[in-house]
């Protein structure tokens, strides 16, 4: 079975009746959303909020009841994927371009479960380019400031045109090769005028659920508490 699917379905076991559930974006979150829809068909009662227009559309197609953000003041649990997870369970997210909305959901969730396959585990973040969402106005100046942080910034393109986020912004993929201090770097990036948010999720997961090609699952928690099944 697909290791992403195995891990995603394990994470959905933490969803309980009556919860407000944050739905992530991307290939792994897709499997979680599918499993949540299956559990709803079997009697689970939840309400959900989505981190992107694409996830909102998927949830609607699957019959998952969505609520507007104006109608809630917290989220019980969010399940989402990641592009990289380091030894301290810091993340790089934003490969799907929804990092701002994903971070809003994660930060306002009582529990945040991250689902990945084994290929996303790294010792240090940085092999995957760090996505940074910036406003289009004077973007060349913002990109120049990002470059001063010793990275190679590239505006994300789709079919020859700049990728535009659900918020109307640009994504700059910044190649650092190795990120030695994620806490410091996220602060430096977010202090640059024109930056909306960056894809470093530092110290945020309740747990990371890792799926392996042999069908096993590992649940990693902060402070090195982990289990393998």
C-alpha atoms as a PDB file:
ATOM      1  CA  UNK A   1       0.000   0.000   0.000  1.00  0.00           C
ATOM      2  CA  UNK A   2       1.038   3.615  -0.575  1.00  0.00           C
ATOM      3  CA  UNK A   3       3.048   4.693   2.537  1.00  0.00           C
ATOM      4  CA  UNK A   4       1.450   8.158   2.439  1.00  0.00           C
ATOM      5  CA  UNK A   5      -1.987   6.561   2.477  1.00  0.00           C
ATOM      6  CA  UNK A   6      -1.054   4.234   5.345  1.00  0.00           C
ATOM      7  CA  UNK A   7       0.219   7.145   7.452  1.00  0.00           C
ATOM      8  CA  UNK A   8      -2.697   9.424   6.585  1.00  0.00           C
ATOM      9  CA  UNK A   9      -5.276   6.800   7.533  1.00  0.00           C
ATOM     10  CA  UNK A  10      -3.481   6.234  10.842  1.00  0.00           C
ATOM     11  CA  UNK A  11      -3.625   9.962  11.629  1.00  0.00           C
ATOM     12  CA  UNK A  12      -7.349  10.043  10.932  1.00  0.00           C
ATOM     13  CA  UNK A  13      -7.819   7.592  13.815  1.00  0.00           C
ATOM     14  CA  UNK A  14      -7.198  10.571  16.132  1.00  0.00           C
ATOM     15  CA  UNK A  15     -10.319  12.336  14.802  1.00  0.00           C
ATOM     16  CA  UNK A  16     -13.272  12.026  17.195  1.00  0.00           C
ATOM     17  CA  UNK A  17     -16.982  12.780  17.095  1.00  0.00           C
ATOM     18  CA  UNK A  18     -17.874  16.460  17.417  1.00  0.00           C
ATOM     19  CA  UNK A  19     -14.451  17.796  16.433  1.00  0.00           C
ATOM     20  CA  UNK A  20     -13.668  20.737  14.203  1.00  0.00           C
ATOM     21  CA  UNK A  21     -11.088  19.332  11.787  1.00  0.00           C
ATOM     22  CA  UNK A  22      -8.537  21.254   9.730  1.00  0.00           C
ATOM     23  CA  UNK A  23      -7.938  19.705   6.317  1.00  0.00           C
ATOM     24  CA  UNK A  24      -4.481  20.100   4.811  1.00  0.00           C
ATOM     25  CA  UNK A  25      -3.371  20.445   1.202  1.00  0.00           C
ATOM     26  CA  UNK A  26      -1.319  18.165  -1.037  1.00  0.00           C
ATOM     27  CA  UNK A  27      -0.937  14.493  -1.921  1.00  0.00           C
ATOM     28  CA  UNK A  28      -0.780  13.192   1.665  1.00  0.00           C
ATOM     29  CA  UNK A  29      -3.607  15.389   2.935  1.00  0.00           C
ATOM     30  CA  UNK A  30      -5.671  14.050   0.010  1.00  0.00           C
ATOM     31  CA  UNK A  31      -5.576  10.564   1.552  1.00  0.00           C
ATOM     32  CA  UNK A  32      -6.530  11.914   4.982  1.00  0.00           C
ATOM     33  CA  UNK A  33      -9.489  13.792   3.504  1.00  0.00           C
ATOM     34  CA  UNK A  34     -10.629  10.652   1.696  1.00  0.00           C
ATOM     35  CA  UNK A  35     -10.451   8.625   4.922  1.00  0.00           C
ATOM     36  CA  UNK A  36     -12.356  11.287   6.879  1.00  0.00           C
ATOM     37  CA  UNK A  37     -15.108  11.143   4.242  1.00  0.00           C
ATOM     38  CA  UNK A  38     -15.249   7.360   4.624  1.00  0.00           C
ATOM     39  CA  UNK A  39     -15.564   7.656   8.403  1.00  0.00           C
ATOM     40  CA  UNK A  40     -18.357  10.221   7.987  1.00  0.00           C
ATOM     41  CA  UNK A  41     -20.219   7.732   5.782  1.00  0.00           C
ATOM     42  CA  UNK A  42     -19.818   5.239   8.645  1.00  0.00           C
ATOM     43  CA  UNK A  43     -21.349   7.647  11.188  1.00  0.00           C
ATOM     44  CA  UNK A  44     -18.603  10.057  12.288  1.00  0.00           C
ATOM     45  CA  UNK A  45     -19.928  13.567  12.957  1.00  0.00           C
ATOM     46  CA  UNK A  46     -17.443  16.411  12.448  1.00  0.00           C
ATOM     47  CA  UNK A  47     -17.198  19.861  10.927  1.00  0.00           C
ATOM     48  CA  UNK A  48     -14.209  20.839   8.809  1.00  0.00           C
ATOM     49  CA  UNK A  49     -12.274  23.850   7.559  1.00  0.00           C
ATOM     50  CA  UNK A  50      -9.970  23.703   4.539  1.00  0.00           C
ATOM     51  CA  UNK A  51      -6.481  25.138   4.004  1.00  0.00           C
ATOM     52  CA  UNK A  52      -6.919  25.758   0.265  1.00  0.00           C
ATOM     53  CA  UNK A  53      -9.487  26.167  -2.470  1.00  0.00           C
ATOM     54  CA  UNK A  54      -8.518  22.757  -3.890  1.00  0.00           C
ATOM     55  CA  UNK A  55      -9.064  20.983  -0.554  1.00  0.00           C
ATOM     56  CA  UNK A  56     -12.336  22.845  -0.063  1.00  0.00           C
ATOM     57  CA  UNK A  57     -13.517  21.601  -3.458  1.00  0.00           C
ATOM     58  CA  UNK A  58     -12.440  18.022  -2.666  1.00  0.00           C
ATOM     59  CA  UNK A  59     -14.198  18.079   0.710  1.00  0.00           C
ATOM     60  CA  UNK A  60     -17.356  19.372  -0.951  1.00  0.00           C
ATOM     61  CA  UNK A  61     -17.274  16.571  -3.523  1.00  0.00           C
ATOM     62  CA  UNK A  62     -16.822  13.980  -0.760  1.00  0.00           C
ATOM     63  CA  UNK A  63     -19.681  15.313   1.351  1.00  0.00           C
ATOM     64  CA  UNK A  64     -17.552  16.572   4.249  1.00  0.00           C
ATOM     65  CA  UNK A  65     -19.483  19.350   6.056  1.00  0.00           C
ATOM     66  CA  UNK A  66     -17.481  22.595   5.873  1.00  0.00           C
ATOM     67  CA  UNK A  67     -17.929  25.587   8.156  1.00  0.00           C
ATOM     68  CA  UNK A  68     -16.763  29.174   7.527  1.00  0.00           C
ATOM     69  CA  UNK A  69     -13.836  30.393   9.609  1.00  0.00           C
ATOM     70  CA  UNK A  70     -16.087  33.194  10.887  1.00  0.00           C
ATOM     71  CA  UNK A  71     -18.142  30.519  12.639  1.00  0.00           C
ATOM     72  CA  UNK A  72     -15.300  29.035  14.734  1.00  0.00           C
ATOM     73  CA  UNK A  73     -12.755  30.249  17.279  1.00  0.00           C
ATOM     74  CA  UNK A  74     -10.547  27.158  17.409  1.00  0.00           C
ATOM     75  CA  UNK A  75      -9.728  23.926  15.582  1.00  0.00           C
ATOM     76  CA  UNK A  76      -9.523  20.640  17.477  1.00  0.00           C
ATOM     77  CA  UNK A  77      -7.198  18.801  15.116  1.00  0.00           C
ATOM     78  CA  UNK A  78      -5.464  19.502  11.804  1.00  0.00           C
ATOM     79  CA  UNK A  79      -3.950  16.780   9.627  1.00  0.00           C
ATOM     80  CA  UNK A  80      -1.500  17.855   6.936  1.00  0.00           C
ATOM     81  CA  UNK A  81       1.591  16.717   5.058  1.00  0.00           C
ATOM     82  CA  UNK A  82       5.118  18.157   4.896  1.00  0.00           C
ATOM     83  CA  UNK A  83       7.928  18.408   2.365  1.00  0.00           C
ATOM     84  CA  UNK A  84      10.656  17.786   4.969  1.00  0.00           C
ATOM     85  CA  UNK A  85      10.775  16.810   8.660  1.00  0.00           C
ATOM     86  CA  UNK A  86      14.031  17.139  10.629  1.00  0.00           C
ATOM     87  CA  UNK A  87      15.228  15.342  13.761  1.00  0.00           C
ATOM     88  CA  UNK A  88      13.548  17.961  15.998  1.00  0.00           C
ATOM     89  CA  UNK A  89      10.255  17.603  14.067  1.00  0.00           C
ATOM     90  CA  UNK A  90      10.627  21.026  12.457  1.00  0.00           C
ATOM     91  CA  UNK A  91       9.038  21.144   9.012  1.00  0.00           C
ATOM     92  CA  UNK A  92       9.313  22.665   5.599  1.00  0.00           C
ATOM     93  CA  UNK A  93       5.868  23.044   4.033  1.00  0.00           C
ATOM     94  CA  UNK A  94       4.515  24.896   1.039  1.00  0.00           C
ATOM     95  CA  UNK A  95       5.331  22.652  -1.892  1.00  0.00           C
ATOM     96  CA  UNK A  96       1.655  22.892  -2.788  1.00  0.00           C
ATOM     97  CA  UNK A  97       1.636  26.673  -2.385  1.00  0.00           C
ATOM     98  CA  UNK A  98      -0.796  26.837   0.556  1.00  0.00           C
ATOM     99  CA  UNK A  99       1.716  27.509   3.351  1.00  0.00           C
ATOM    100  CA  UNK A 100       0.061  30.647   4.753  1.00  0.00           C
ATOM    101  CA  UNK A 101      -3.363  29.088   5.193  1.00  0.00           C
ATOM    102  CA  UNK A 102      -1.793  25.832   6.399  1.00  0.00           C
ATOM    103  CA  UNK A 103       0.153  27.708   9.081  1.00  0.00           C
ATOM    104  CA  UNK A 104      -2.953  29.609  10.204  1.00  0.00           C
ATOM    105  CA  UNK A 105      -4.802  26.308  10.650  1.00  0.00           C
ATOM    106  CA  UNK A 106      -1.899  24.597  12.395  1.00  0.00           C
ATOM    107  CA  UNK A 107      -1.280  27.477  14.805  1.00  0.00           C
ATOM    108  CA  UNK A 108      -4.942  27.593  15.815  1.00  0.00           C
ATOM    109  CA  UNK A 109      -5.284  23.824  16.314  1.00  0.00           C
ATOM    110  CA  UNK A 110      -5.210  22.071  19.661  1.00  0.00           C
ATOM    111  CA  UNK A 111      -3.494  19.143  17.933  1.00  0.00           C
ATOM    112  CA  UNK A 112      -1.490  19.155  14.690  1.00  0.00           C
ATOM    113  CA  UNK A 113      -0.693  15.797  13.098  1.00  0.00           C
ATOM    114  CA  UNK A 114       1.807  15.761  10.251  1.00  0.00           C
ATOM    115  CA  UNK A 115       1.730  12.841   7.830  1.00  0.00           C
ATOM    116  CA  UNK A 116       4.726  11.892   5.650  1.00  0.00           C
ATOM    117  CA  UNK A 117       6.391   8.937   4.004  1.00  0.00           C
ATOM    118  CA  UNK A 118       9.909   7.931   4.992  1.00  0.00           C
ATOM    119  CA  UNK A 119      11.527   9.911   2.149  1.00  0.00           C
ATOM    120  CA  UNK A 120      10.584  13.205   3.868  1.00  0.00           C
ATOM    121  CA  UNK A 121      12.710  12.495   6.959  1.00  0.00           C
ATOM    122  CA  UNK A 122      15.988  14.470   7.014  1.00  0.00           C
ATOM    123  CA  UNK A 123      18.676  15.208   9.583  1.00  0.00           C
ATOM    124  CA  UNK A 124      18.596  18.946   8.783  1.00  0.00           C
ATOM    125  CA  UNK A 125      16.095  20.958   6.758  1.00  0.00           C
ATOM    126  CA  UNK A 126      17.094  22.633   3.525  1.00  0.00           C
ATOM    127  CA  UNK A 127      17.482  20.064   0.799  1.00  0.00           C
ATOM    128  CA  UNK A 128      13.923  20.954  -0.256  1.00  0.00           C
ATOM    129  CA  UNK A 129      13.780  24.648  -1.278  1.00  0.00           C
ATOM    130  CA  UNK A 130      12.019  26.753   1.361  1.00  0.00           C
ATOM    131  CA  UNK A 131       8.823  28.345  -0.004  1.00  0.00           C
ATOM    132  CA  UNK A 132       8.270  31.980   0.969  1.00  0.00           C
ATOM    133  CA  UNK A 133       5.010  33.779   0.151  1.00  0.00           C
ATOM    134  CA  UNK A 134       5.529  37.422  -0.842  1.00  0.00           C
ATOM    135  CA  UNK A 135       3.279  40.222  -2.088  1.00  0.00           C
ATOM    136  CA  UNK A 136       3.645  41.038  -5.801  1.00  0.00           C
ATOM    137  CA  UNK A 137       4.321  44.751  -5.149  1.00  0.00           C
ATOM    138  CA  UNK A 138       8.045  45.540  -5.608  1.00  0.00           C
ATOM    139  CA  UNK A 139       8.718  41.804  -5.486  1.00  0.00           C
ATOM    140  CA  UNK A 140      12.220  42.279  -6.923  1.00  0.00           C
ATOM    141  CA  UNK A 141      13.217  44.246  -3.791  1.00  0.00           C
ATOM    142  CA  UNK A 142      11.809  41.571  -1.478  1.00  0.00           C
ATOM    143  CA  UNK A 143      13.599  38.845  -3.441  1.00  0.00           C
ATOM    144  CA  UNK A 144      16.876  40.786  -3.174  1.00  0.00           C
ATOM    145  CA  UNK A 145      16.506  40.890   0.621  1.00  0.00           C
ATOM    146  CA  UNK A 146      15.859  37.139   0.681  1.00  0.00           C
ATOM    147  CA  UNK A 147      19.017  36.608  -1.358  1.00  0.00           C
ATOM    148  CA  UNK A 148      20.998  38.425   1.346  1.00  0.00           C
ATOM    149  CA  UNK A 149      20.185  35.498   3.663  1.00  0.00           C
ATOM    150  CA  UNK A 150      22.534  33.328   1.559  1.00  0.00           C
ATOM    151  CA  UNK A 151      19.977  31.493  -0.506  1.00  0.00           C
ATOM    152  CA  UNK A 152      19.116  31.182  -4.170  1.00  0.00           C
ATOM    153  CA  UNK A 153      15.574  32.575  -4.542  1.00  0.00           C
ATOM    154  CA  UNK A 154      13.499  31.581  -7.569  1.00  0.00           C
ATOM    155  CA  UNK A 155       9.953  32.745  -8.290  1.00  0.00           C
ATOM    156  CA  UNK A 156       7.748  29.663  -8.680  1.00  0.00           C
ATOM    157  CA  UNK A 157       6.377  29.333 -12.205  1.00  0.00           C
ATOM    158  CA  UNK A 158       3.522  27.280 -13.648  1.00  0.00           C
ATOM    159  CA  UNK A 159       3.280  26.856 -17.417  1.00  0.00           C
ATOM    160  CA  UNK A 160       5.447  29.903 -18.034  1.00  0.00           C
ATOM    161  CA  UNK A 161       3.639  32.258 -15.654  1.00  0.00           C
ATOM    162  CA  UNK A 162       4.234  33.054 -11.967  1.00  0.00           C
ATOM    163  CA  UNK A 163       2.326  30.760  -9.601  1.00  0.00           C
ATOM    164  CA  UNK A 164      -0.339  32.778  -7.745  1.00  0.00           C
ATOM    165  CA  UNK A 165      -1.485  31.624  -4.309  1.00  0.00           C
ATOM    166  CA  UNK A 166      -5.102  31.530  -3.142  1.00  0.00           C
ATOM    167  CA  UNK A 167      -4.268  34.850  -1.458  1.00  0.00           C
ATOM    168  CA  UNK A 168      -3.110  36.512  -4.695  1.00  0.00           C
ATOM    169  CA  UNK A 169       0.583  36.405  -3.802  1.00  0.00           C
ATOM    170  CA  UNK A 170       3.783  34.971  -5.276  1.00  0.00           C
ATOM    171  CA  UNK A 171       5.835  32.032  -3.998  1.00  0.00           C
ATOM    172  CA  UNK A 172       9.630  32.318  -3.962  1.00  0.00           C
ATOM    173  CA  UNK A 173      11.412  28.975  -3.537  1.00  0.00           C
ATOM    174  CA  UNK A 174      14.642  29.634  -1.626  1.00  0.00           C
ATOM    175  CA  UNK A 175      17.469  27.087  -1.858  1.00  0.00           C
ATOM    176  CA  UNK A 176      19.523  27.121   1.346  1.00  0.00           C
ATOM    177  CA  UNK A 177      21.008  23.591   0.962  1.00  0.00           C
ATOM    178  CA  UNK A 178      21.160  23.297   4.778  1.00  0.00           C
ATOM    179  CA  UNK A 179      19.249  25.231   7.445  1.00  0.00           C
ATOM    180  CA  UNK A 180      21.276  25.212  10.657  1.00  0.00           C
ATOM    181  CA  UNK A 181      18.935  27.361  12.770  1.00  0.00           C
ATOM    182  CA  UNK A 182      15.273  27.194  11.665  1.00  0.00           C
ATOM    183  CA  UNK A 183      14.099  29.393  14.578  1.00  0.00           C
ATOM    184  CA  UNK A 184      16.435  32.236  13.658  1.00  0.00           C
ATOM    185  CA  UNK A 185      15.857  31.912   9.922  1.00  0.00           C
ATOM    186  CA  UNK A 186      12.068  32.104  10.131  1.00  0.00           C
ATOM    187  CA  UNK A 187      12.377  35.300  12.187  1.00  0.00           C
ATOM    188  CA  UNK A 188      14.844  36.833   9.714  1.00  0.00           C
ATOM    189  CA  UNK A 189      12.611  36.029   6.755  1.00  0.00           C
ATOM    190  CA  UNK A 190       9.410  37.333   8.329  1.00  0.00           C
ATOM    191  CA  UNK A 191      11.090  40.642   9.238  1.00  0.00           C
ATOM    192  CA  UNK A 192      11.570  41.415   5.530  1.00  0.00           C
ATOM    193  CA  UNK A 193       8.885  43.872   4.328  1.00  0.00           C
ATOM    194  CA  UNK A 194       6.928  42.217   1.532  1.00  0.00           C
ATOM    195  CA  UNK A 195       7.146  38.736   3.032  1.00  0.00           C
ATOM    196  CA  UNK A 196       3.730  37.403   4.039  1.00  0.00           C
ATOM    197  CA  UNK A 197       4.847  34.076   5.555  1.00  0.00           C
ATOM    198  CA  UNK A 198       7.452  31.350   5.129  1.00  0.00           C
ATOM    199  CA  UNK A 199       7.262  27.559   4.995  1.00  0.00           C
ATOM    200  CA  UNK A 200       9.236  26.846   8.182  1.00  0.00           C
ATOM    201  CA  UNK A 201       6.942  25.239  10.774  1.00  0.00           C
ATOM    202  CA  UNK A 202       9.111  25.225  13.901  1.00  0.00           C
ATOM    203  CA  UNK A 203       8.077  23.290  17.016  1.00  0.00           C
ATOM    204  CA  UNK A 204       4.482  22.927  15.856  1.00  0.00           C
ATOM    205  CA  UNK A 205       3.539  19.243  15.388  1.00  0.00           C
ATOM    206  CA  UNK A 206       1.809  17.269  18.122  1.00  0.00           C
ATOM    207  CA  UNK A 207       3.186  14.223  16.316  1.00  0.00           C
ATOM    208  CA  UNK A 208       4.566  13.172  12.948  1.00  0.00           C
ATOM    209  CA  UNK A 209       3.129   9.976  11.481  1.00  0.00           C
ATOM    210  CA  UNK A 210       5.634   8.313   9.137  1.00  0.00           C
ATOM    211  CA  UNK A 211       4.561   5.662   6.659  1.00  0.00           C
ATOM    212  CA  UNK A 212       7.053   3.122   5.314  1.00  0.00           C
ATOM    213  CA  UNK A 213       7.077   1.135   2.085  1.00  0.00           C
ATOM    214  CA  UNK A 214       6.673  -2.146   4.013  1.00  0.00           C
ATOM    215  CA  UNK A 215       3.360  -0.945   5.435  1.00  0.00           C
ATOM    216  CA  UNK A 216       4.614  -0.106   8.940  1.00  0.00           C
ATOM    217  CA  UNK A 217       4.000   3.209  10.683  1.00  0.00           C
ATOM    218  CA  UNK A 218       6.127   5.216  13.088  1.00  0.00           C
ATOM    219  CA  UNK A 219       4.671   7.946  15.293  1.00  0.00           C
ATOM    220  CA  UNK A 220       7.248  10.561  16.293  1.00  0.00           C
ATOM    221  CA  UNK A 221       6.491  12.965  19.123  1.00  0.00           C
ATOM    222  CA  UNK A 222       8.500  15.913  20.518  1.00  0.00           C
ATOM    223  CA  UNK A 223      11.195  15.159  23.124  1.00  0.00           C
ATOM    224  CA  UNK A 224      12.091  11.939  21.296  1.00  0.00           C
ATOM    225  CA  UNK A 225       9.055   9.960  22.454  1.00  0.00           C
ATOM    226  CA  UNK A 226       8.181   7.620  19.629  1.00  0.00           C
ATOM    227  CA  UNK A 227       6.477   4.368  18.830  1.00  0.00           C
ATOM    228  CA  UNK A 228       6.631   1.899  15.944  1.00  0.00           C
ATOM    229  CA  UNK A 229       3.855  -0.385  14.765  1.00  0.00           C
END
